[in-house]
Amino acid sequence: MPTNARVTLCHGPYNSNGVVKHRTSRLQGLQAALRARGHQCVLEETREWNMVELVVNGETIFICDIRQLEFGSAQVGLMNVLDPDDRREQEQGT
């Protein structure tokens, strides 16, 4: 991912306690991790249920189910996207 990129977090509604709506609480950890690396975050609501999509320069770089994100955490394999050096090492098996 380019340094200091503008990252659009496209997120859909999900069901919580019988109410379906867009919520950003599960995105807080992700936003914090991106900002800590110098990126600018923009939230964009979509109609796709249960989805989070990270878009940089018009290209989708990561997609997951928003319900897999833990509150205040940037887990679910996302760290490989945020730190490409770690990702390269994993792909090379080192």
C-alpha atoms as a PDB file:
ATOM      1  CA  MET A   1       0.000   0.000   0.000  1.00  0.00           C
ATOM      2  CA  PRO A   2       1.385   3.445  -0.829  1.00  0.00           C
ATOM      3  CA  THR A   3       2.724   5.570   2.003  1.00  0.00           C
ATOM      4  CA  ASN A   4       0.200   8.012   3.478  1.00  0.00           C
ATOM      5  CA  ALA A   5      -2.602   6.664   1.285  1.00  0.00           C
ATOM      6  CA  ARG A   6      -6.211   7.725   1.366  1.00  0.00           C
ATOM      7  CA  VAL A   7      -8.046   4.521   2.339  1.00  0.00           C
ATOM      8  CA  THR A   8     -11.781   4.266   1.798  1.00  0.00           C
ATOM      9  CA  LEU A   9     -13.484   1.866   4.204  1.00  0.00           C
ATOM     10  CA  CYS A  10     -16.659   0.754   2.465  1.00  0.00           C
ATOM     11  CA  HIS A  11     -18.908  -0.889   5.010  1.00  0.00           C
ATOM     12  CA  GLY A  12     -22.347  -2.389   4.850  1.00  0.00           C
ATOM     13  CA  PRO A  13     -25.075  -2.783   7.432  1.00  0.00           C
ATOM     14  CA  TYR A  14     -25.217  -5.785   9.711  1.00  0.00           C
ATOM     15  CA  ASN A  15     -27.701  -7.287  12.144  1.00  0.00           C
ATOM     16  CA  SER A  16     -27.120  -6.686  15.837  1.00  0.00           C
ATOM     17  CA  ASN A  17     -29.823  -7.506  18.353  1.00  0.00           C
ATOM     18  CA  GLY A  18     -32.442  -7.645  15.626  1.00  0.00           C
ATOM     19  CA  VAL A  19     -31.600  -4.220  14.185  1.00  0.00           C
ATOM     20  CA  VAL A  20     -29.942  -3.948  10.776  1.00  0.00           C
ATOM     21  CA  LYS A  21     -28.029  -0.721  10.248  1.00  0.00           C
ATOM     22  CA  HIS A  22     -24.617   0.719   9.407  1.00  0.00           C
ATOM     23  CA  ARG A  23     -22.354   0.810  12.441  1.00  0.00           C
ATOM     24  CA  THR A  24     -18.741   1.939  12.754  1.00  0.00           C
ATOM     25  CA  SER A  25     -17.844   0.555  16.175  1.00  0.00           C
ATOM     26  CA  ARG A  26     -16.216  -2.564  14.686  1.00  0.00           C
ATOM     27  CA  LEU A  27     -14.126  -0.333  12.402  1.00  0.00           C
ATOM     28  CA  GLN A  28     -12.472   1.711  15.171  1.00  0.00           C
ATOM     29  CA  GLY A  29      -9.464  -0.582  15.597  1.00  0.00           C
ATOM     30  CA  LEU A  30      -8.962  -0.774  11.858  1.00  0.00           C
ATOM     31  CA  GLN A  31      -9.108   3.005  11.527  1.00  0.00           C
ATOM     32  CA  ALA A  32      -6.632   3.403  14.398  1.00  0.00           C
ATOM     33  CA  ALA A  33      -4.190   0.951  12.782  1.00  0.00           C
ATOM     34  CA  LEU A  34      -4.402   2.756   9.439  1.00  0.00           C
ATOM     35  CA  ARG A  35      -3.976   6.203  10.997  1.00  0.00           C
ATOM     36  CA  ALA A  36      -1.017   4.990  13.064  1.00  0.00           C
ATOM     37  CA  ARG A  37       0.676   4.127   9.763  1.00  0.00           C
ATOM     38  CA  GLY A  38      -0.004   7.622   8.401  1.00  0.00           C
ATOM     39  CA  HIS A  39      -3.022   6.812   6.208  1.00  0.00           C
ATOM     40  CA  GLN A  40      -6.167   8.901   5.909  1.00  0.00           C
ATOM     41  CA  CYS A  41      -9.437   6.997   6.464  1.00  0.00           C
ATOM     42  CA  VAL A  42     -12.713   7.789   4.746  1.00  0.00           C
ATOM     43  CA  LEU A  43     -15.869   5.894   5.701  1.00  0.00           C
ATOM     44  CA  GLU A  44     -18.376   5.088   2.979  1.00  0.00           C
ATOM     45  CA  GLU A  45     -21.652   3.259   3.541  1.00  0.00           C
ATOM     46  CA  THR A  46     -22.619   0.544   1.048  1.00  0.00           C
ATOM     47  CA  ARG A  47     -25.676  -1.627   0.598  1.00  0.00           C
ATOM     48  CA  GLU A  48     -23.752  -4.931   0.866  1.00  0.00           C
ATOM     49  CA  TRP A  49     -24.694  -6.584   4.146  1.00  0.00           C
ATOM     50  CA  ASN A  50     -21.900  -7.657   6.543  1.00  0.00           C
ATOM     51  CA  MET A  51     -19.097  -6.387   4.303  1.00  0.00           C
ATOM     52  CA  VAL A  52     -15.983  -4.276   4.815  1.00  0.00           C
ATOM     53  CA  GLU A  53     -13.893  -3.377   1.811  1.00  0.00           C
ATOM     54  CA  LEU A  54     -10.664  -1.350   1.828  1.00  0.00           C
ATOM     55  CA  VAL A  55     -10.122   0.658  -1.350  1.00  0.00           C
ATOM     56  CA  VAL A  56      -6.877   2.468  -2.198  1.00  0.00           C
ATOM     57  CA  ASN A  57      -6.462   4.390  -5.462  1.00  0.00           C
ATOM     58  CA  GLY A  58      -9.642   2.805  -6.811  1.00  0.00           C
ATOM     59  CA  GLU A  59      -8.371  -0.724  -6.163  1.00  0.00           C
ATOM     60  CA  THR A  60      -9.897  -3.073  -3.601  1.00  0.00           C
ATOM     61  CA  ILE A  61      -7.051  -4.377  -1.452  1.00  0.00           C
ATOM     62  CA  PHE A  62      -8.969  -6.210   1.291  1.00  0.00           C
ATOM     63  CA  ILE A  63     -12.479  -7.586   1.889  1.00  0.00           C
ATOM     64  CA  CYS A  64     -13.914  -9.283   4.954  1.00  0.00           C
ATOM     65  CA  ASP A  65     -17.128  -9.868   6.859  1.00  0.00           C
ATOM     66  CA  ILE A  66     -17.535  -6.966   9.295  1.00  0.00           C
ATOM     67  CA  ARG A  67     -18.721  -9.432  11.942  1.00  0.00           C
ATOM     68  CA  GLN A  68     -15.233 -10.988  11.918  1.00  0.00           C
ATOM     69  CA  LEU A  69     -13.694  -7.736  13.155  1.00  0.00           C
ATOM     70  CA  GLU A  70     -13.288  -7.512  16.895  1.00  0.00           C
ATOM     71  CA  PHE A  71     -14.201  -4.248  18.571  1.00  0.00           C
ATOM     72  CA  GLY A  72     -11.065  -2.088  18.781  1.00  0.00           C
ATOM     73  CA  SER A  73      -8.919  -4.561  16.832  1.00  0.00           C
ATOM     74  CA  ALA A  74      -7.379  -4.660  13.337  1.00  0.00           C
ATOM     75  CA  GLN A  75      -7.160  -8.441  13.058  1.00  0.00           C
ATOM     76  CA  VAL A  76      -8.512 -10.906  10.437  1.00  0.00           C
ATOM     77  CA  GLY A  77      -5.362 -11.078   8.328  1.00  0.00           C
ATOM     78  CA  LEU A  78      -5.405  -7.359   7.725  1.00  0.00           C
ATOM     79  CA  MET A  79      -1.944  -6.825   9.153  1.00  0.00           C
ATOM     80  CA  ASN A  80      -0.530  -8.535   6.038  1.00  0.00           C
ATOM     81  CA  VAL A  81      -2.145  -5.818   3.943  1.00  0.00           C
ATOM     82  CA  LEU A  82      -0.928  -3.033   6.189  1.00  0.00           C
ATOM     83  CA  ASP A  83       2.648  -4.334   6.385  1.00  0.00           C
ATOM     84  CA  PRO A  84       3.647  -5.632   2.943  1.00  0.00           C
ATOM     85  CA  ASP A  85       7.124  -6.704   4.134  1.00  0.00           C
ATOM     86  CA  ASP A  86       5.531  -9.257   6.481  1.00  0.00           C
ATOM     87  CA  ARG A  87       3.259 -10.405   3.660  1.00  0.00           C
ATOM     88  CA  ARG A  88       6.192 -10.974   1.296  1.00  0.00           C
ATOM     89  CA  GLU A  89       8.030 -13.007   3.932  1.00  0.00           C
ATOM     90  CA  GLN A  90       4.970 -15.216   4.488  1.00  0.00           C
ATOM     91  CA  GLU A  91       4.537 -15.797   0.758  1.00  0.00           C
ATOM     92  CA  GLN A  92       8.207 -16.760   0.436  1.00  0.00           C
ATOM     93  CA  GLY A  93       7.904 -19.112   3.395  1.00  0.00           C
ATOM     94  CA  THR A  94      10.516 -17.398   5.557  1.00  0.00           C
END
